[in-house]
Every structure is written in structure tokens, then in C-alpha cells.
C-alpha atoms as a PDB file:
ATOM      1  CA  MET A   1     -24.805 -18.286 -34.644  1.00  0.00           C
ATOM      2  CA  THR A   2     -21.416 -16.633 -35.228  1.00  0.00           C
ATOM      3  CA  GLU A   3     -21.137 -14.821 -31.380  1.00  0.00           C
ATOM      4  CA  SER A   4     -21.539 -18.496 -29.994  1.00  0.00           C
ATOM      5  CA  ARG A   5     -18.977 -20.105 -31.757  1.00  0.00           C
ATOM      6  CA  SER A   6     -16.395 -16.964 -31.416  1.00  0.00           C
ATOM      7  CA  ILE A   7     -16.836 -17.248 -27.568  1.00  0.00           C
ATOM      8  CA  GLU A   8     -16.723 -21.201 -27.476  1.00  0.00           C
ATOM      9  CA  ARG A   9     -12.984 -20.922 -29.038  1.00  0.00           C
ATOM     10  CA  ALA A  10     -10.070 -22.173 -27.234  1.00  0.00           C
ATOM     11  CA  ASP A  11      -8.449 -19.360 -25.177  1.00  0.00           C
ATOM     12  CA  ALA A  12     -11.000 -16.902 -26.579  1.00  0.00           C
ATOM     13  CA  ILE A  13     -11.659 -14.029 -23.779  1.00  0.00           C
ATOM     14  CA  CYS A  14     -15.155 -12.870 -24.188  1.00  0.00           C
ATOM     15  CA  GLU A  15     -15.409  -8.743 -23.246  1.00  0.00           C
ATOM     16  CA  VAL A  16     -18.364  -6.945 -22.409  1.00  0.00           C
ATOM     17  CA  GLU A  17     -19.704  -3.475 -21.679  1.00  0.00           C
ATOM     18  CA  PHE A  18     -22.696  -2.316 -19.202  1.00  0.00           C
ATOM     19  CA  ALA A  19     -24.532   0.946 -19.395  1.00  0.00           C
ATOM     20  CA  LEU A  20     -26.064   2.147 -16.165  1.00  0.00           C
ATOM     21  CA  GLN A  21     -28.295   5.083 -15.447  1.00  0.00           C
ATOM     22  CA  ASP A  22     -29.763   4.024 -12.145  1.00  0.00           C
ATOM     23  CA  PRO A  23     -28.055   6.852 -10.003  1.00  0.00           C
ATOM     24  CA  ALA A  24     -29.037   3.959  -6.991  1.00  0.00           C
ATOM     25  CA  TYR A  25     -25.291   3.533  -7.967  1.00  0.00           C
ATOM     26  CA  PRO A  26     -22.498   5.623  -6.094  1.00  0.00           C
ATOM     27  CA  PHE A  27     -20.803   6.189  -8.949  1.00  0.00           C
ATOM     28  CA  VAL A  28     -23.573   7.356 -11.654  1.00  0.00           C
ATOM     29  CA  GLU A  29     -25.194   9.755  -8.999  1.00  0.00           C
ATOM     30  CA  LEU A  30     -21.762  11.175  -7.939  1.00  0.00           C
ATOM     31  CA  SER A  31     -20.986  11.597 -11.490  1.00  0.00           C
ATOM     32  CA  GLU A  32     -24.391  13.274 -12.034  1.00  0.00           C
ATOM     33  CA  SER A  33     -24.855  15.270  -9.463  1.00  0.00           C
ATOM     34  CA  GLY A  34     -21.399  16.658  -8.631  1.00  0.00           C
ATOM     35  CA  ASP A  35     -20.710  17.092 -12.259  1.00  0.00           C
ATOM     36  CA  CYS A  36     -17.535  14.992 -12.550  1.00  0.00           C
ATOM     37  CA  THR A  37     -16.071  12.005 -13.590  1.00  0.00           C
ATOM     38  CA  LEU A  38     -15.543   8.878 -11.733  1.00  0.00           C
ATOM     39  CA  GLU A  39     -12.781   6.395 -12.943  1.00  0.00           C
ATOM     40  CA  LEU A  40     -11.963   3.257 -11.342  1.00  0.00           C
ATOM     41  CA  ALA A  41      -7.916   2.575 -10.735  1.00  0.00           C
ATOM     42  CA  GLU A  42      -7.751  -0.558  -8.891  1.00  0.00           C
ATOM     43  CA  MET A  43     -10.346  -2.832  -7.139  1.00  0.00           C
ATOM     44  CA  VAL A  44      -8.832  -4.981  -4.228  1.00  0.00           C
ATOM     45  CA  PRO A  45     -10.811  -7.119  -2.523  1.00  0.00           C
ATOM     46  CA  ARG A  46     -11.136  -7.641   1.314  1.00  0.00           C
ATOM     47  CA  SER A  47     -11.844  -9.703   3.950  1.00  0.00           C
ATOM     48  CA  GLY A  48     -16.073 -10.320   5.074  1.00  0.00           C
ATOM     49  CA  GLY A  49     -16.902  -9.747   1.414  1.00  0.00           C
ATOM     50  CA  GLN A  50     -15.479  -6.385   1.029  1.00  0.00           C
ATOM     51  CA  TYR A  51     -13.704  -4.601  -1.967  1.00  0.00           C
ATOM     52  CA  ALA A  52     -11.972  -1.883  -1.736  1.00  0.00           C
ATOM     53  CA  GLU A  53     -12.275   0.649  -4.850  1.00  0.00           C
ATOM     54  CA  PHE A  54      -9.690   3.158  -5.570  1.00  0.00           C
ATOM     55  CA  PHE A  55     -11.477   6.243  -7.766  1.00  0.00           C
ATOM     56  CA  ASN A  56      -9.743   8.952  -9.483  1.00  0.00           C
ATOM     57  CA  VAL A  57     -12.354  11.742  -9.236  1.00  0.00           C
ATOM     58  CA  THR A  58     -12.195  14.892 -11.207  1.00  0.00           C
ATOM     59  CA  GLY A  59     -14.223  17.956 -10.807  1.00  0.00           C
ATOM     60  CA  ALA A  60     -16.372  16.880  -7.495  1.00  0.00           C
ATOM     61  CA  GLU A  61     -14.982  18.741  -3.923  1.00  0.00           C
ATOM     62  CA  PRO A  62     -14.449  16.003  -0.659  1.00  0.00           C
ATOM     63  CA  GLU A  63     -17.120  17.804   0.777  1.00  0.00           C
ATOM     64  CA  HIS A  64     -19.959  16.529  -1.961  1.00  0.00           C
ATOM     65  CA  VAL A  65     -18.498  13.319  -2.172  1.00  0.00           C
ATOM     66  CA  ALA A  66     -18.423  12.491   1.015  1.00  0.00           C
ATOM     67  CA  GLU A  67     -22.276  13.885   1.404  1.00  0.00           C
ATOM     68  CA  VAL A  68     -23.467  11.551  -1.654  1.00  0.00           C
ATOM     69  CA  MET A  69     -21.645   8.229   0.140  1.00  0.00           C
ATOM     70  CA  ALA A  70     -22.799   8.962   3.334  1.00  0.00           C
ATOM     71  CA  ASP A  71     -26.372   8.109   2.400  1.00  0.00           C
ATOM     72  CA  THR A  72     -25.208   4.771   0.716  1.00  0.00           C
ATOM     73  CA  ASP A  73     -24.701   2.172   3.797  1.00  0.00           C
ATOM     74  CA  ALA A  74     -22.546  -0.004   1.733  1.00  0.00           C
ATOM     75  CA  VAL A  75     -19.906   2.474   1.145  1.00  0.00           C
ATOM     76  CA  ASP A  76     -16.995   3.978   3.626  1.00  0.00           C
ATOM     77  CA  VAL A  77     -15.064   6.577   1.871  1.00  0.00           C
ATOM     78  CA  THR A  78     -11.837   8.008   2.267  1.00  0.00           C
ATOM     79  CA  LEU A  79      -9.780  10.553   0.605  1.00  0.00           C
ATOM     80  CA  LEU A  80      -6.335   9.293   0.270  1.00  0.00           C
ATOM     81  CA  ALA A  81      -4.390  11.991  -2.145  1.00  0.00           C
ATOM     82  CA  GLU A  82      -5.350  15.395  -3.996  1.00  0.00           C
ATOM     83  CA  TYR A  83      -3.481  16.062  -7.298  1.00  0.00           C
ATOM     84  CA  GLU A  84      -3.667  19.494  -9.184  1.00  0.00           C
ATOM     85  CA  HIS A  85      -6.874  18.349 -11.311  1.00  0.00           C
ATOM     86  CA  SER A  86      -7.974  14.888  -9.732  1.00  0.00           C
ATOM     87  CA  ARG A  87      -8.337  13.267  -5.980  1.00  0.00           C
ATOM     88  CA  LEU A  88      -7.697   9.373  -5.459  1.00  0.00           C
ATOM     89  CA  PHE A  89     -10.345   8.011  -3.071  1.00  0.00           C
ATOM     90  CA  GLU A  90     -10.593   4.479  -1.769  1.00  0.00           C
ATOM     91  CA  PHE A  91     -14.727   3.523  -1.278  1.00  0.00           C
ATOM     92  CA  VAL A  92     -14.906   0.295   1.034  1.00  0.00           C
ATOM     93  CA  VAL A  93     -18.119  -1.540  -0.604  1.00  0.00           C
ATOM     94  CA  SER A  94     -20.086  -4.004   0.771  1.00  0.00           C
ATOM     95  CA  GLY A  95     -22.669  -4.701  -1.344  1.00  0.00           C
ATOM     96  CA  GLY A  96     -24.526  -3.627  -4.197  1.00  0.00           C
ATOM     97  CA  CYS A  97     -21.661  -2.797  -6.490  1.00  0.00           C
ATOM     98  CA  PRO A  98     -21.963  -3.726  -9.994  1.00  0.00           C
ATOM     99  CA  ALA A  99     -18.252  -3.982 -10.841  1.00  0.00           C
ATOM    100  CA  ARG A 100     -18.192  -5.894  -7.392  1.00  0.00           C
ATOM    101  CA  ARG A 101     -20.836  -8.715  -8.941  1.00  0.00           C
ATOM    102  CA  LEU A 102     -19.226  -9.101 -12.189  1.00  0.00           C
ATOM    103  CA  ALA A 103     -16.050 -10.195 -10.242  1.00  0.00           C
ATOM    104  CA  GLU A 104     -17.805 -12.568  -8.098  1.00  0.00           C
ATOM    105  CA  LEU A 105     -19.315 -14.205 -10.892  1.00  0.00           C
ATOM    106  CA  GLY A 106     -15.776 -14.360 -12.765  1.00  0.00           C
ATOM    107  CA  ALA A 107     -15.806 -11.223 -14.966  1.00  0.00           C
ATOM    108  CA  LEU A 108     -12.334  -9.151 -14.976  1.00  0.00           C
ATOM    109  CA  PRO A 109     -13.645  -5.868 -14.936  1.00  0.00           C
ATOM    110  CA  SER A 110     -11.094  -3.625 -16.834  1.00  0.00           C
ATOM    111  CA  THR A 111     -12.920   0.065 -16.994  1.00  0.00           C
ATOM    112  CA  VAL A 112     -15.669   1.330 -14.553  1.00  0.00           C
ATOM    113  CA  ARG A 113     -15.973   5.145 -15.529  1.00  0.00           C
ATOM    114  CA  GLY A 114     -18.832   7.584 -14.262  1.00  0.00           C
ATOM    115  CA  ASP A 115     -19.633  10.559 -16.513  1.00  0.00           C
ATOM    116  CA  ASP A 116     -22.388  12.764 -16.097  1.00  0.00           C
ATOM    117  CA  GLY A 117     -24.855  10.637 -14.981  1.00  0.00           C
ATOM    118  CA  ASP A 118     -23.421   8.120 -17.571  1.00  0.00           C
ATOM    119  CA  GLY A 119     -21.829   4.808 -16.063  1.00  0.00           C
ATOM    120  CA  ARG A 120     -19.620   2.117 -18.137  1.00  0.00           C
ATOM    121  CA  ILE A 121     -18.193  -1.231 -17.105  1.00  0.00           C
ATOM    122  CA  VAL A 122     -16.477  -2.925 -19.004  1.00  0.00           C
ATOM    123  CA  ALA A 123     -14.797  -6.907 -17.834  1.00  0.00           C
ATOM    124  CA  ALA A 124     -13.612  -9.657 -19.550  1.00  0.00           C
ATOM    125  CA  ILE A 125     -14.476 -13.198 -18.969  1.00  0.00           C
ATOM    126  CA  PRO A 126     -12.042 -16.130 -19.785  1.00  0.00           C
ATOM    127  CA  GLU A 127     -12.946 -18.705 -21.459  1.00  0.00           C
ATOM    128  CA  SER A 128     -13.221 -20.795 -18.506  1.00  0.00           C
ATOM    129  CA  ARG A 129     -16.576 -19.195 -17.705  1.00  0.00           C
ATOM    130  CA  ASP A 130     -19.603 -19.630 -19.640  1.00  0.00           C
ATOM    131  CA  ALA A 131     -20.098 -15.857 -21.124  1.00  0.00           C
ATOM    132  CA  ALA A 132     -23.800 -16.103 -21.809  1.00  0.00           C
ATOM    133  CA  ASP A 133     -24.405 -17.415 -17.875  1.00  0.00           C
ATOM    134  CA  VAL A 134     -22.362 -14.691 -16.694  1.00  0.00           C
ATOM    135  CA  VAL A 135     -24.016 -11.871 -18.701  1.00  0.00           C
ATOM    136  CA  GLY A 136     -27.654 -13.478 -17.781  1.00  0.00           C
ATOM    137  CA  THR A 137     -26.845 -14.241 -14.236  1.00  0.00           C
ATOM    138  CA  PHE A 138     -25.646  -9.889 -13.947  1.00  0.00           C
ATOM    139  CA  LEU A 139     -28.734  -8.652 -16.345  1.00  0.00           C
ATOM    140  CA  ASP A 140     -31.113 -10.857 -14.065  1.00  0.00           C
ATOM    141  CA  GLU A 141     -29.783  -8.976 -10.796  1.00  0.00           C
ATOM    142  CA  HIS A 142     -29.381  -5.652 -11.995  1.00  0.00           C
ATOM    143  CA  PRO A 143     -32.180  -5.345 -14.693  1.00  0.00           C
ATOM    144  CA  ASP A 144     -31.568  -1.483 -14.802  1.00  0.00           C
ATOM    145  CA  ALA A 145     -28.013  -2.412 -16.770  1.00  0.00           C
ATOM    146  CA  GLU A 146     -28.120  -2.586 -20.438  1.00  0.00           C
ATOM    147  CA  LEU A 147     -25.308  -4.530 -22.419  1.00  0.00           C
ATOM    148  CA  VAL A 148     -24.012  -2.365 -24.771  1.00  0.00           C
ATOM    149  CA  SER A 149     -21.598  -4.452 -26.422  1.00  0.00           C
ATOM    150  CA  LYS A 150     -20.005  -7.969 -26.230  1.00  0.00           C
ATOM    151  CA  ARG A 151     -16.698  -8.682 -28.498  1.00  0.00           C
ATOM    152  CA  GLU A 152     -14.092 -11.218 -28.563  1.00  0.00           C
ATOM    153  CA  THR A 153     -10.387 -10.539 -27.546  1.00  0.00           C
ATOM    154  CA  ASP A 154      -7.356 -11.767 -27.411  1.00  0.00           C
ATOM    155  CA  ALA A 155      -5.989 -10.224 -24.125  1.00  0.00           C
ATOM    156  CA  VAL A 156      -7.253  -8.449 -20.881  1.00  0.00           C
ATOM    157  CA  GLN A 157      -6.610  -4.881 -20.818  1.00  0.00           C
ATOM    158  CA  PRO A 158      -5.571  -3.473 -17.423  1.00  0.00           C
ATOM    159  CA  LEU A 159      -7.789  -2.135 -15.223  1.00  0.00           C
ATOM    160  CA  ALA A 160      -6.141   1.056 -14.386  1.00  0.00           C
ATOM    161  CA  SER A 161      -4.351   3.544 -16.433  1.00  0.00           C
ATOM    162  CA  ARG A 162      -0.210   3.927 -15.890  1.00  0.00           C
ATOM    163  CA  SER A 163      -0.866   7.081 -14.579  1.00  0.00           C
ATOM    164  CA  ALA A 164      -3.711   5.855 -12.512  1.00  0.00           C
ATOM    165  CA  VAL A 165      -1.793   2.864 -10.730  1.00  0.00           C
ATOM    166  CA  TYR A 166       1.071   5.718 -10.376  1.00  0.00           C
ATOM    167  CA  GLN A 167      -1.006   7.957  -8.648  1.00  0.00           C
ATOM    168  CA  MET A 168      -2.701   5.190  -6.277  1.00  0.00           C
ATOM    169  CA  LEU A 169       0.810   3.712  -5.489  1.00  0.00           C
ATOM    170  CA  GLN A 170       3.121   7.652  -4.846  1.00  0.00           C
ATOM    171  CA  SER A 171       0.013   7.931  -2.305  1.00  0.00           C
ATOM    172  CA  LEU A 172       0.474   5.088  -0.352  1.00  0.00           C
ATOM    173  CA  LEU A 173       4.394   6.378   0.522  1.00  0.00           C
ATOM    174  CA  THR A 174       5.486   9.024   2.183  1.00  0.00           C
ATOM    175  CA  ASP A 175       8.508  11.231   0.701  1.00  0.00           C
ATOM    176  CA  ARG A 176      11.144   9.699   2.729  1.00  0.00           C
ATOM    177  CA  GLN A 177       9.877   5.922   1.673  1.00  0.00           C
ATOM    178  CA  ARG A 178       9.731   6.966  -1.919  1.00  0.00           C
ATOM    179  CA  GLU A 179      13.455   8.418  -1.863  1.00  0.00           C
ATOM    180  CA  VAL A 180      14.643   5.238   0.243  1.00  0.00           C
ATOM    181  CA  LEU A 181      13.060   2.850  -2.643  1.00  0.00           C
ATOM    182  CA  GLU A 182      14.161   4.720  -5.604  1.00  0.00           C
ATOM    183  CA  THR A 183      17.907   4.957  -4.507  1.00  0.00           C
ATOM    184  CA  ALA A 184      17.597   1.232  -3.768  1.00  0.00           C
ATOM    185  CA  PHE A 185      16.340   0.487  -7.141  1.00  0.00           C
ATOM    186  CA  GLU A 186      18.481   3.032  -9.020  1.00  0.00           C
ATOM    187  CA  VAL A 187      21.959   1.015  -7.446  1.00  0.00           C
ATOM    188  CA  GLY A 188      20.449  -2.408  -7.716  1.00  0.00           C
ATOM    189  CA  TYR A 189      19.498  -3.494  -4.310  1.00  0.00           C
ATOM    190  CA  TYR A 190      16.909  -5.283  -6.077  1.00  0.00           C
ATOM    191  CA  ASP A 191      18.711  -6.673  -8.475  1.00  0.00           C
ATOM    192  CA  TRP A 192      19.788 -10.370  -8.832  1.00  0.00           C
ATOM    193  CA  PRO A 193      22.182 -11.260  -7.826  1.00  0.00           C
ATOM    194  CA  ARG A 194      22.226  -8.513  -5.652  1.00  0.00           C
ATOM    195  CA  GLU A 195      24.456  -5.444  -6.453  1.00  0.00           C
ATOM    196  CA  ALA A 196      24.218  -3.411  -3.275  1.00  0.00           C
ATOM    197  CA  THR A 197      23.427  -4.627   0.565  1.00  0.00           C
ATOM    198  CA  GLY A 198      21.078  -2.437   2.866  1.00  0.00           C
ATOM    199  CA  GLU A 199      24.324  -0.988   4.149  1.00  0.00           C
ATOM    200  CA  ASP A 200      25.650   0.098   0.439  1.00  0.00           C
ATOM    201  CA  VAL A 201      21.901   2.354   0.003  1.00  0.00           C
ATOM    202  CA  ALA A 202      21.535   3.180   3.891  1.00  0.00           C
ATOM    203  CA  ALA A 203      25.420   5.110   3.000  1.00  0.00           C
ATOM    204  CA  GLU A 204      24.199   6.223   0.002  1.00  0.00           C
ATOM    205  CA  LEU A 205      21.247   8.149   1.779  1.00  0.00           C
ATOM    206  CA  GLY A 206      23.582   9.028   4.627  1.00  0.00           C
ATOM    207  CA  ILE A 207      20.921   7.371   6.831  1.00  0.00           C
ATOM    208  CA  SER A 208      22.401   4.436   9.408  1.00  0.00           C
ATOM    209  CA  SER A 209      21.296   0.577   8.403  1.00  0.00           C
ATOM    210  CA  ALA A 210      18.674   0.222  10.692  1.00  0.00           C
ATOM    211  CA  THR A 211      16.864   3.380   9.482  1.00  0.00           C
ATOM    212  CA  PHE A 212      17.126   2.295   5.982  1.00  0.00           C
ATOM    213  CA  ALA A 213      15.768  -1.692   7.186  1.00  0.00           C
ATOM    214  CA  GLU A 214      13.037   0.414   9.082  1.00  0.00           C
ATOM    215  CA  HIS A 215      12.019   2.785   5.505  1.00  0.00           C
ATOM    216  CA  ILE A 216      12.348   0.113   3.380  1.00  0.00           C
ATOM    217  CA  ARG A 217       9.893  -2.577   5.242  1.00  0.00           C
ATOM    218  CA  ALA A 218       7.663   0.315   5.438  1.00  0.00           C
ATOM    219  CA  ALA A 219       7.525   1.084   1.976  1.00  0.00           C
ATOM    220  CA  GLU A 220       7.374  -2.184   0.669  1.00  0.00           C
ATOM    221  CA  HIS A 221       4.362  -3.211   3.293  1.00  0.00           C
ATOM    222  CA  ASN A 222       2.323  -0.056   2.113  1.00  0.00           C
ATOM    223  CA  LEU A 223       3.036  -1.433  -1.508  1.00  0.00           C
ATOM    224  CA  LEU A 224       2.048  -4.935  -0.691  1.00  0.00           C
ATOM    225  CA  THR A 225      -1.467  -4.121   0.687  1.00  0.00           C
ATOM    226  CA  VAL A 226      -2.773  -2.902  -2.653  1.00  0.00           C
ATOM    227  CA  PHE A 227      -2.003  -6.621  -4.015  1.00  0.00           C
ATOM    228  CA  VAL A 228      -3.048  -8.708  -1.071  1.00  0.00           C
ATOM    229  CA  GLY A 229      -5.732  -6.839   0.275  1.00  0.00           C
ATOM    230  CA  GLY A 230      -3.992  -5.832   3.928  1.00  0.00           C
ATOM    231  CA  ARG A 231      -5.569  -2.420   5.627  1.00  0.00           C
ATOM    232  CA  GLY A 232      -3.010  -0.246   8.025  1.00  0.00           C
ATOM    233  CA  PHE A 233      -0.200   1.233   6.330  1.00  0.00           C
ATOM    234  CA  ASP A 234       2.896   1.986   8.159  1.00  0.00           C
ATOM    235  CA  PHE A 235       4.926   6.038   8.429  1.00  0.00           C
END
């Protein structure tokens, strides 16, 4: 009774956490067979009902990731970047993903993590949605999942950690694009009112205005693909 009243409070957000151990879910299977940890950095809707999921993977070789995902028709995997202790992969999911299904039901995943065969999904259900209906539908469709907690919160935590977001965005830019963006920001190109023109930034970098325009357009396009669901990158 108390839980029901709290969920109905105006502007309340219901945060739910599910546990999944079924190896049919690739992020669970990979975390167990690869003795690794997967953490979702970002999830972006694509056309045709697909989602692009950007996972930071620690402890698994790319070949093993590709091998596990090859057995799953609903997932296409691409290695985007390699770091000292982890790798960033893009998984394009067309079906069967529990995080994707929660998003379709109106819940906002804030954590998706697989570690040693234990999968965890934390999602926020806004007050505009019926939390009981969302949870009930999800559990009916995923009977192997277990609801381990349901609590009220006043804010939604971001899906990605600051470091995960930084790594993902860094992977979308070439070194030159990164230098152009950083210089443009530092000299005031993005201030309002603008303190530096494109010509000013080009002069600071020692390049032509046309070259600056080319690099800044490509960099901005690549970053925007994350937020609006575009596909190809410009280099």
C-alpha cells in the first residue's frame, strides 16, 4: 500500500532494477564466457526499430566478442575503439534485447551491466507511465528476469558515466577534428555572442578557412550522430 501511494505521487519517478542470468541475452553470455564486464554507455534509436548500443567491454578479446555475437541473429557488432583497459563496441540490436524493450515500454534505462554471468538493468519509469503495467508487461515477456528492487526517486541518473561518454565521443573524432573543436571552443567560436570567427580559428590553427570549415563540419556531424541516431561518420 505504501509503495503504491508513493509511486502515484506527482512528479515521482519509479526506479526499478532487474536481474537476468539467462545466457540467451548476449551481454549476459559474453560476460560469463569471456570472463569480462560489459557496461552500456549509450543507447540510440535507429531506423527500422533498431537500437545502437555502445558497450564498454573490459577483459574480453575482440575475436571472442565477435564469436559470441555471431550466434545471435539480432545483433551486429562493430569494434569502435581500443583503450588501455577496455574496448568500445557498437551493438546494433534488432530484437530480443531487454533494455531495448524497457525503452519501448517507456522506461529509461540508466544502467545495463553484465559481470560474470550476472546481468543487471536499472531503469526509471516517469510518473506519466503506469509503473505496475511497465513492470508487469516486462516480466510477462521476460519470465527469466527477476525484479530485485523498486523505489521512488526524484531524478533520473544518466545512462553513461562521464568517462564512458568521453571515451565514446572521443572514438567518433579524428585527432585533427578533436584539435579543431578544442581550439574553436577555447577561442570563443561557440560563445554567444561569438568571440571568434571561423577565419580567426583557422588562423590560430594555421590552416585555411575552407579547411577549418571542412573539419568543423565533419566533427559536428560525427558527434550529432550519437544524439540523433545517424549512421555514417565523416573523416
